[in-house]
Amino acid sequence: MKLSKIAQACLILSLSTTSLISHATPSAESNDKQLNQVVDAGTQINQSASQSQQRVNTISEQIQTKLQQFKTINKEIDGLTVYNQQMNTQVANQLKELDQIAVSMEQVSIIERQISPLMARMIETLENFVALDVQFLTTERNQRITDLKSMMERADVAISEKFRRVLEAYQVEVDYGRTIEAYTGLIDIEGSEQNVDFLRIGRVSLVYQTRDGKKLGLWDNASKSWKPLSAQYRLDINKGLRIARKQLAPDLIIVPVVQNSAE
């Protein structure tokens, strides 16, 4: 059976189309595979870039931390430099002081050798002064001198403390000359020992009055004895005793005064 020309043409076209499809299908699959490979490669590159960026960030943070530490250490170094300069200056001054102390220590032994005889002479002078002075608080003042002599023989008392005690005794004697004082004591009056009130006004006047107020006396330092005193001074002496005992406000009083050889 013979085909018409139109049928032959359609058959030829059909066969050509089938042939083209059979040849085109393998080529598309190949392109998809290549595209997937490209996408995978891009993904790997992005992941690698992300990891690299993370490493860069970490390194950058470490660098910033090290930089801050560096700046902090530099500040500490600057502070230590200034501190060392100050310490060097202080050390130099302390070395000078040590030299001065060493010189002073060499002189201490010399001073100690000189001050001990000086204190002995001061105590002796004070003892002579008390013996020549107006005879008030005799027991107390002599006991103070005895204590000073005993202290000078003690090895457990420093030289400075001994000198302080001697100066203190001198200060007490100085204060006697500018104070008023009332105290009681025993005195021999006409062969009879009696308890009397003493009134001391500085070192210019030392008087007594018996408890009954009948007898008055004045210390005469020239003769080292008590002299009878006129009764006209009784009121002033009583007033002076009350002033000395702080029982009366300070006021003008009239008392006898004698020239003392110790002055």
C-alpha atoms as a PDB file:
ATOM      1  CA  MET A   1       0.000   0.000   0.000  1.00  0.00           C
ATOM      2  CA  LYS A   2       1.345   3.315  -0.972  1.00  0.00           C
ATOM      3  CA  LEU A   3       1.130   6.433   1.367  1.00  0.00           C
ATOM      4  CA  SER A   4       0.134   9.803   0.142  1.00  0.00           C
ATOM      5  CA  LYS A   5       2.643  12.582   0.154  1.00  0.00           C
ATOM      6  CA  ILE A   6       0.904  14.279   3.102  1.00  0.00           C
ATOM      7  CA  ALA A   7       1.080  11.129   5.163  1.00  0.00           C
ATOM      8  CA  GLN A   8       4.701  10.645   4.296  1.00  0.00           C
ATOM      9  CA  ALA A   9       5.442  14.212   5.378  1.00  0.00           C
ATOM     10  CA  CYS A  10       3.682  13.731   8.743  1.00  0.00           C
ATOM     11  CA  LEU A  11       5.570  10.508   9.409  1.00  0.00           C
ATOM     12  CA  ILE A  12       8.878  12.112   8.657  1.00  0.00           C
ATOM     13  CA  LEU A  13       8.027  15.065  11.016  1.00  0.00           C
ATOM     14  CA  SER A  14       7.000  12.675  13.771  1.00  0.00           C
ATOM     15  CA  LEU A  15      10.189  10.722  13.507  1.00  0.00           C
ATOM     16  CA  SER A  16      12.263  13.929  13.587  1.00  0.00           C
ATOM     17  CA  THR A  17      10.478  15.167  16.708  1.00  0.00           C
ATOM     18  CA  THR A  18      11.009  11.879  18.488  1.00  0.00           C
ATOM     19  CA  SER A  19      14.663  11.960  17.588  1.00  0.00           C
ATOM     20  CA  LEU A  20      15.064  15.522  18.934  1.00  0.00           C
ATOM     21  CA  ILE A  21      13.344  14.685  22.232  1.00  0.00           C
ATOM     22  CA  SER A  22      15.509  11.644  22.656  1.00  0.00           C
ATOM     23  CA  HIS A  23      18.602  13.755  22.143  1.00  0.00           C
ATOM     24  CA  ALA A  24      17.437  16.769  24.300  1.00  0.00           C
ATOM     25  CA  THR A  25      16.570  14.883  27.524  1.00  0.00           C
ATOM     26  CA  PRO A  26      20.126  13.853  28.552  1.00  0.00           C
ATOM     27  CA  SER A  27      21.393  17.425  28.043  1.00  0.00           C
ATOM     28  CA  ALA A  28      18.886  18.984  30.560  1.00  0.00           C
ATOM     29  CA  GLU A  29      19.775  16.476  33.264  1.00  0.00           C
ATOM     30  CA  SER A  30      23.434  17.355  32.879  1.00  0.00           C
ATOM     31  CA  ASN A  31      22.713  21.056  33.267  1.00  0.00           C
ATOM     32  CA  ASP A  32      20.705  20.480  36.486  1.00  0.00           C
ATOM     33  CA  LYS A  33      23.554  18.502  37.948  1.00  0.00           C
ATOM     34  CA  GLN A  34      26.045  21.218  37.190  1.00  0.00           C
ATOM     35  CA  LEU A  35      23.689  23.833  38.657  1.00  0.00           C
ATOM     36  CA  ASN A  36      23.382  21.876  41.893  1.00  0.00           C
ATOM     37  CA  GLN A  37      27.147  21.613  42.111  1.00  0.00           C
ATOM     38  CA  VAL A  38      27.439  25.364  41.670  1.00  0.00           C
ATOM     39  CA  VAL A  39      24.831  25.981  44.399  1.00  0.00           C
ATOM     40  CA  ASP A  40      26.596  23.570  46.779  1.00  0.00           C
ATOM     41  CA  ALA A  41      29.907  25.258  46.085  1.00  0.00           C
ATOM     42  CA  GLY A  42      28.339  28.682  46.795  1.00  0.00           C
ATOM     43  CA  THR A  43      26.891  27.395  50.064  1.00  0.00           C
ATOM     44  CA  GLN A  44      30.270  26.040  51.123  1.00  0.00           C
ATOM     45  CA  ILE A  45      31.891  29.339  50.228  1.00  0.00           C
ATOM     46  CA  ASN A  46      29.319  31.240  52.306  1.00  0.00           C
ATOM     47  CA  GLN A  47      29.834  28.915  55.277  1.00  0.00           C
ATOM     48  CA  SER A  48      33.592  29.280  54.957  1.00  0.00           C
ATOM     49  CA  ALA A  49      33.240  33.066  54.727  1.00  0.00           C
ATOM     50  CA  SER A  50      31.004  33.075  57.822  1.00  0.00           C
ATOM     51  CA  GLN A  51      33.515  31.000  59.772  1.00  0.00           C
ATOM     52  CA  SER A  52      36.324  33.275  58.609  1.00  0.00           C
ATOM     53  CA  GLN A  53      34.331  36.328  59.744  1.00  0.00           C
ATOM     54  CA  GLN A  54      33.797  34.743  63.159  1.00  0.00           C
ATOM     55  CA  ARG A  55      37.505  34.102  63.468  1.00  0.00           C
ATOM     56  CA  VAL A  56      38.202  37.685  62.425  1.00  0.00           C
ATOM     57  CA  ASN A  57      35.718  38.953  65.057  1.00  0.00           C
ATOM     58  CA  THR A  58      37.313  36.784  67.740  1.00  0.00           C
ATOM     59  CA  ILE A  59      40.794  37.975  66.809  1.00  0.00           C
ATOM     60  CA  SER A  60      39.567  41.588  66.785  1.00  0.00           C
ATOM     61  CA  GLU A  61      38.067  41.216  70.285  1.00  0.00           C
ATOM     62  CA  GLN A  62      41.305  39.673  71.533  1.00  0.00           C
ATOM     63  CA  ILE A  63      43.269  42.544  70.015  1.00  0.00           C
ATOM     64  CA  GLN A  64      40.978  45.113  71.723  1.00  0.00           C
ATOM     65  CA  THR A  65      41.347  43.285  75.046  1.00  0.00           C
ATOM     66  CA  LYS A  66      45.130  43.210  74.714  1.00  0.00           C
ATOM     67  CA  LEU A  67      45.108  46.890  73.795  1.00  0.00           C
ATOM     68  CA  GLN A  68      43.136  47.784  76.924  1.00  0.00           C
ATOM     69  CA  GLN A  69      45.478  45.682  79.030  1.00  0.00           C
ATOM     70  CA  PHE A  70      48.427  47.420  77.401  1.00  0.00           C
ATOM     71  CA  LYS A  71      46.993  50.864  78.180  1.00  0.00           C
ATOM     72  CA  THR A  72      46.231  49.811  81.769  1.00  0.00           C
ATOM     73  CA  ILE A  73      49.747  48.475  82.265  1.00  0.00           C
ATOM     74  CA  ASN A  74      51.219  51.680  80.833  1.00  0.00           C
ATOM     75  CA  LYS A  75      49.213  53.721  83.354  1.00  0.00           C
ATOM     76  CA  GLU A  76      50.443  51.489  86.160  1.00  0.00           C
ATOM     77  CA  ILE A  77      54.017  51.885  84.927  1.00  0.00           C
ATOM     78  CA  ASP A  78      53.631  55.677  84.899  1.00  0.00           C
ATOM     79  CA  GLY A  79      52.229  55.598  88.435  1.00  0.00           C
ATOM     80  CA  LEU A  80      55.016  53.316  89.634  1.00  0.00           C
ATOM     81  CA  THR A  81      57.591  55.605  88.043  1.00  0.00           C
ATOM     82  CA  VAL A  82      56.271  58.610  89.987  1.00  0.00           C
ATOM     83  CA  TYR A  83      55.995  56.501  93.153  1.00  0.00           C
ATOM     84  CA  ASN A  84      59.575  55.268  92.788  1.00  0.00           C
ATOM     85  CA  GLN A  85      60.797  58.833  92.386  1.00  0.00           C
ATOM     86  CA  GLN A  86      59.019  59.816  95.606  1.00  0.00           C
ATOM     87  CA  MET A  87      60.364  56.764  97.408  1.00  0.00           C
ATOM     88  CA  ASN A  88      63.883  57.548  96.227  1.00  0.00           C
ATOM     89  CA  THR A  89      63.533  61.069  97.599  1.00  0.00           C
ATOM     90  CA  GLN A  90      62.211  59.749 100.927  1.00  0.00           C
ATOM     91  CA  VAL A  91      64.965  57.158 101.147  1.00  0.00           C
ATOM     92  CA  ALA A  92      67.552  59.853 100.532  1.00  0.00           C
ATOM     93  CA  ASN A  93      66.031  62.005 103.309  1.00  0.00           C
ATOM     94  CA  GLN A  94      65.898  59.019 105.657  1.00  0.00           C
ATOM     95  CA  LEU A  95      69.553  58.279 104.989  1.00  0.00           C
ATOM     96  CA  LYS A  96      70.356  61.869 105.942  1.00  0.00           C
ATOM     97  CA  GLU A  97      68.313  61.482 109.131  1.00  0.00           C
ATOM     98  CA  LEU A  98      70.126  58.236 109.916  1.00  0.00           C
ATOM     99  CA  ASP A  99      73.422  60.055 109.593  1.00  0.00           C
ATOM    100  CA  GLN A 100      72.168  62.765 111.956  1.00  0.00           C
ATOM    101  CA  ILE A 101      70.893  60.145 114.402  1.00  0.00           C
ATOM    102  CA  ALA A 102      74.239  58.382 114.299  1.00  0.00           C
ATOM    103  CA  VAL A 103      75.966  61.663 115.168  1.00  0.00           C
ATOM    104  CA  SER A 104      73.441  62.306 117.948  1.00  0.00           C
ATOM    105  CA  MET A 105      73.963  58.819 119.370  1.00  0.00           C
ATOM    106  CA  GLU A 106      77.673  59.468 119.522  1.00  0.00           C
ATOM    107  CA  GLN A 107      76.961  62.631 121.488  1.00  0.00           C
ATOM    108  CA  VAL A 108      74.451  60.987 123.846  1.00  0.00           C
ATOM    109  CA  SER A 109      77.119  59.218 125.837  1.00  0.00           C
ATOM    110  CA  ILE A 110      78.964  62.515 126.228  1.00  0.00           C
ATOM    111  CA  ILE A 111      75.778  64.279 127.342  1.00  0.00           C
ATOM    112  CA  GLU A 112      74.955  61.506 129.823  1.00  0.00           C
ATOM    113  CA  ARG A 113      78.394  61.768 131.359  1.00  0.00           C
ATOM    114  CA  GLN A 114      77.918  65.511 131.771  1.00  0.00           C
ATOM    115  CA  ILE A 115      74.276  65.590 132.882  1.00  0.00           C
ATOM    116  CA  SER A 116      74.636  63.214 135.824  1.00  0.00           C
ATOM    117  CA  PRO A 117      77.063  65.492 137.697  1.00  0.00           C
ATOM    118  CA  LEU A 118      74.847  68.437 136.761  1.00  0.00           C
ATOM    119  CA  MET A 119      71.795  66.803 138.370  1.00  0.00           C
ATOM    120  CA  ALA A 120      73.806  65.965 141.471  1.00  0.00           C
ATOM    121  CA  ARG A 121      74.807  69.621 141.798  1.00  0.00           C
ATOM    122  CA  MET A 122      71.192  70.716 141.219  1.00  0.00           C
ATOM    123  CA  ILE A 123      69.947  68.441 143.999  1.00  0.00           C
ATOM    124  CA  GLU A 124      72.641  69.674 146.360  1.00  0.00           C
ATOM    125  CA  THR A 125      71.755  73.293 145.529  1.00  0.00           C
ATOM    126  CA  LEU A 126      68.074  72.571 146.137  1.00  0.00           C
ATOM    127  CA  GLU A 127      68.867  70.979 149.495  1.00  0.00           C
ATOM    128  CA  ASN A 128      70.880  74.015 150.564  1.00  0.00           C
ATOM    129  CA  PHE A 129      68.094  76.325 149.398  1.00  0.00           C
ATOM    130  CA  VAL A 130      65.458  74.478 151.432  1.00  0.00           C
ATOM    131  CA  ALA A 131      67.705  74.630 154.502  1.00  0.00           C
ATOM    132  CA  LEU A 132      68.118  78.405 154.095  1.00  0.00           C
ATOM    133  CA  ASP A 133      64.529  79.083 153.063  1.00  0.00           C
ATOM    134  CA  VAL A 134      61.506  79.851 155.211  1.00  0.00           C
ATOM    135  CA  GLN A 135      60.734  76.712 157.189  1.00  0.00           C
ATOM    136  CA  PHE A 136      57.343  75.646 155.849  1.00  0.00           C
ATOM    137  CA  LEU A 137      56.347  72.074 154.935  1.00  0.00           C
ATOM    138  CA  THR A 138      59.801  71.021 156.083  1.00  0.00           C
ATOM    139  CA  THR A 139      59.093  67.290 156.210  1.00  0.00           C
ATOM    140  CA  GLU A 140      57.508  67.215 152.732  1.00  0.00           C
ATOM    141  CA  ARG A 141      60.278  69.238 151.087  1.00  0.00           C
ATOM    142  CA  ASN A 142      63.115  67.271 152.698  1.00  0.00           C
ATOM    143  CA  GLN A 143      61.445  63.991 151.737  1.00  0.00           C
ATOM    144  CA  ARG A 144      61.308  65.159 148.121  1.00  0.00           C
ATOM    145  CA  ILE A 145      65.065  65.774 148.170  1.00  0.00           C
ATOM    146  CA  THR A 146      65.696  62.377 149.792  1.00  0.00           C
ATOM    147  CA  ASP A 147      63.656  60.711 147.034  1.00  0.00           C
ATOM    148  CA  LEU A 148      65.687  62.496 144.372  1.00  0.00           C
ATOM    149  CA  LYS A 149      68.952  61.294 145.877  1.00  0.00           C
ATOM    150  CA  SER A 150      67.640  57.728 146.040  1.00  0.00           C
ATOM    151  CA  MET A 151      66.455  57.926 142.431  1.00  0.00           C
ATOM    152  CA  MET A 152      69.886  59.022 141.211  1.00  0.00           C
ATOM    153  CA  GLU A 153      71.338  55.706 142.432  1.00  0.00           C
ATOM    154  CA  ARG A 154      68.787  53.574 140.557  1.00  0.00           C
ATOM    155  CA  ALA A 155      69.855  51.960 137.282  1.00  0.00           C
ATOM    156  CA  ASP A 156      66.293  51.197 136.132  1.00  0.00           C
ATOM    157  CA  VAL A 157      65.392  54.883 135.745  1.00  0.00           C
ATOM    158  CA  ALA A 158      66.361  56.594 132.514  1.00  0.00           C
ATOM    159  CA  ILE A 159      68.506  59.717 132.528  1.00  0.00           C
ATOM    160  CA  SER A 160      65.668  61.662 130.923  1.00  0.00           C
ATOM    161  CA  GLU A 161      63.248  60.645 133.691  1.00  0.00           C
ATOM    162  CA  LYS A 162      65.765  61.600 136.380  1.00  0.00           C
ATOM    163  CA  PHE A 163      66.268  65.011 134.826  1.00  0.00           C
ATOM    164  CA  ARG A 164      62.494  65.491 134.537  1.00  0.00           C
ATOM    165  CA  ARG A 165      62.024  64.708 138.230  1.00  0.00           C
ATOM    166  CA  VAL A 166      64.746  67.150 139.249  1.00  0.00           C
ATOM    167  CA  LEU A 167      63.195  69.928 137.142  1.00  0.00           C
ATOM    168  CA  GLU A 168      59.796  69.075 138.605  1.00  0.00           C
ATOM    169  CA  ALA A 169      61.155  69.555 142.139  1.00  0.00           C
ATOM    170  CA  TYR A 170      62.524  72.951 141.110  1.00  0.00           C
ATOM    171  CA  GLN A 171      59.138  73.871 139.647  1.00  0.00           C
ATOM    172  CA  VAL A 172      57.407  72.977 142.908  1.00  0.00           C
ATOM    173  CA  GLU A 173      59.748  75.285 144.814  1.00  0.00           C
ATOM    174  CA  VAL A 174      59.112  78.074 142.303  1.00  0.00           C
ATOM    175  CA  ASP A 175      55.347  77.671 142.752  1.00  0.00           C
ATOM    176  CA  TYR A 176      55.682  78.074 146.509  1.00  0.00           C
ATOM    177  CA  GLY A 177      56.800  81.662 145.952  1.00  0.00           C
ATOM    178  CA  ARG A 178      53.545  82.708 144.235  1.00  0.00           C
ATOM    179  CA  THR A 179      50.852  80.827 146.137  1.00  0.00           C
ATOM    180  CA  ILE A 180      48.982  81.137 149.417  1.00  0.00           C
ATOM    181  CA  GLU A 181      48.525  78.039 151.556  1.00  0.00           C
ATOM    182  CA  ALA A 182      46.985  76.976 154.862  1.00  0.00           C
ATOM    183  CA  TYR A 183      47.938  73.759 156.651  1.00  0.00           C
ATOM    184  CA  THR A 184      48.120  72.348 160.154  1.00  0.00           C
ATOM    185  CA  GLY A 185      51.066  71.050 162.150  1.00  0.00           C
ATOM    186  CA  LEU A 186      52.756  70.741 165.516  1.00  0.00           C
ATOM    187  CA  ILE A 187      54.972  73.420 166.982  1.00  0.00           C
ATOM    188  CA  ASP A 188      56.794  73.906 170.279  1.00  0.00           C
ATOM    189  CA  ILE A 189      55.368  76.951 172.044  1.00  0.00           C
ATOM    190  CA  GLU A 190      56.951  77.852 175.369  1.00  0.00           C
ATOM    191  CA  GLY A 191      58.065  74.260 175.930  1.00  0.00           C
ATOM    192  CA  SER A 192      54.716  72.753 175.009  1.00  0.00           C
ATOM    193  CA  GLU A 193      53.960  71.079 171.674  1.00  0.00           C
ATOM    194  CA  GLN A 194      50.724  72.389 170.243  1.00  0.00           C
ATOM    195  CA  ASN A 195      48.673  71.837 167.107  1.00  0.00           C
ATOM    196  CA  VAL A 196      48.411  75.111 165.167  1.00  0.00           C
ATOM    197  CA  ASP A 197      47.209  76.497 161.831  1.00  0.00           C
ATOM    198  CA  PHE A 198      49.933  77.771 159.548  1.00  0.00           C
ATOM    199  CA  LEU A 199      49.388  80.484 156.928  1.00  0.00           C
ATOM    200  CA  ARG A 200      52.009  80.842 154.216  1.00  0.00           C
ATOM    201  CA  ILE A 201      51.874  83.744 151.777  1.00  0.00           C
ATOM    202  CA  GLY A 202      54.468  83.057 149.138  1.00  0.00           C
ATOM    203  CA  ARG A 203      57.830  83.262 150.831  1.00  0.00           C
ATOM    204  CA  VAL A 204      57.284  86.691 152.312  1.00  0.00           C
ATOM    205  CA  SER A 205      55.264  85.675 155.339  1.00  0.00           C
ATOM    206  CA  LEU A 206      54.804  82.521 157.414  1.00  0.00           C
ATOM    207  CA  VAL A 207      52.612  82.836 160.505  1.00  0.00           C
ATOM    208  CA  TYR A 208      50.791  80.494 162.863  1.00  0.00           C
ATOM    209  CA  GLN A 209      47.760  80.663 165.103  1.00  0.00           C
ATOM    210  CA  THR A 210      46.801  78.268 167.869  1.00  0.00           C
ATOM    211  CA  ARG A 211      43.448  76.543 167.620  1.00  0.00           C
ATOM    212  CA  ASP A 212      42.009  78.704 170.384  1.00  0.00           C
ATOM    213  CA  GLY A 213      43.283  81.818 168.579  1.00  0.00           C
ATOM    214  CA  LYS A 214      45.077  83.128 171.655  1.00  0.00           C
ATOM    215  CA  LYS A 215      48.654  82.862 170.411  1.00  0.00           C
ATOM    216  CA  LEU A 216      50.094  84.086 167.143  1.00  0.00           C
ATOM    217  CA  GLY A 217      53.616  83.789 165.802  1.00  0.00           C
ATOM    218  CA  LEU A 218      55.785  84.844 162.863  1.00  0.00           C
ATOM    219  CA  TRP A 219      58.724  82.917 161.441  1.00  0.00           C
ATOM    220  CA  ASP A 220      61.933  84.956 161.557  1.00  0.00           C
ATOM    221  CA  ASN A 221      64.234  83.422 158.996  1.00  0.00           C
ATOM    222  CA  ALA A 222      67.229  85.426 160.169  1.00  0.00           C
ATOM    223  CA  SER A 223      67.176  83.819 163.615  1.00  0.00           C
ATOM    224  CA  LYS A 224      65.508  80.582 162.410  1.00  0.00           C
ATOM    225  CA  SER A 225      62.907  80.883 165.150  1.00  0.00           C
ATOM    226  CA  TRP A 226      59.289  81.840 165.837  1.00  0.00           C
ATOM    227  CA  LYS A 227      58.588  85.302 167.166  1.00  0.00           C
ATOM    228  CA  PRO A 228      55.405  86.180 169.071  1.00  0.00           C
ATOM    229  CA  LEU A 229      52.940  88.218 167.050  1.00  0.00           C
ATOM    230  CA  SER A 230      50.592  90.937 168.251  1.00  0.00           C
ATOM    231  CA  ALA A 231      46.906  90.060 168.540  1.00  0.00           C
ATOM    232  CA  GLN A 232      46.094  92.919 166.171  1.00  0.00           C
ATOM    233  CA  TYR A 233      46.814  90.545 163.257  1.00  0.00           C
ATOM    234  CA  ARG A 234      44.296  87.923 164.447  1.00  0.00           C
ATOM    235  CA  LEU A 235      41.451  89.040 162.174  1.00  0.00           C
ATOM    236  CA  ASP A 236      43.653  89.301 159.089  1.00  0.00           C
ATOM    237  CA  ILE A 237      45.252  85.914 159.788  1.00  0.00           C
ATOM    238  CA  ASN A 238      41.840  84.301 160.205  1.00  0.00           C
ATOM    239  CA  LYS A 239      40.749  85.936 156.969  1.00  0.00           C
ATOM    240  CA  GLY A 240      43.903  84.735 155.219  1.00  0.00           C
ATOM    241  CA  LEU A 241      43.335  81.169 156.428  1.00  0.00           C
ATOM    242  CA  ARG A 242      39.803  81.189 155.012  1.00  0.00           C
ATOM    243  CA  ILE A 243      41.023  82.607 151.688  1.00  0.00           C
ATOM    244  CA  ALA A 244      43.756  79.956 151.470  1.00  0.00           C
ATOM    245  CA  ARG A 245      41.167  77.218 152.135  1.00  0.00           C
ATOM    246  CA  LYS A 246      38.915  78.725 149.436  1.00  0.00           C
ATOM    247  CA  GLN A 247      36.250  79.475 152.004  1.00  0.00           C
ATOM    248  CA  LEU A 248      36.375  83.166 151.198  1.00  0.00           C
ATOM    249  CA  ALA A 249      36.932  85.159 148.027  1.00  0.00           C
ATOM    250  CA  PRO A 250      40.393  86.756 147.640  1.00  0.00           C
ATOM    251  CA  ASP A 251      40.617  90.060 149.460  1.00  0.00           C
ATOM    252  CA  LEU A 252      43.155  92.473 150.900  1.00  0.00           C
ATOM    253  CA  ILE A 253      44.768  91.346 154.155  1.00  0.00           C
ATOM    254  CA  ILE A 254      47.500  92.847 156.283  1.00  0.00           C
ATOM    255  CA  VAL A 255      50.170  90.467 157.590  1.00  0.00           C
ATOM    256  CA  PRO A 256      53.665  91.031 158.940  1.00  0.00           C
ATOM    257  CA  VAL A 257      56.549  90.580 156.520  1.00  0.00           C
ATOM    258  CA  VAL A 258      60.182  89.869 157.364  1.00  0.00           C
ATOM    259  CA  GLN A 259      63.270  89.901 155.190  1.00  0.00           C
ATOM    260  CA  ASN A 260      64.351  86.350 154.386  1.00  0.00           C
ATOM    261  CA  SER A 261      68.033  85.599 153.887  1.00  0.00           C
ATOM    262  CA  ALA A 262      67.235  82.896 151.333  1.00  0.00           C
ATOM    263  CA  GLU A 263      65.930  85.573 149.001  1.00  0.00           C
END
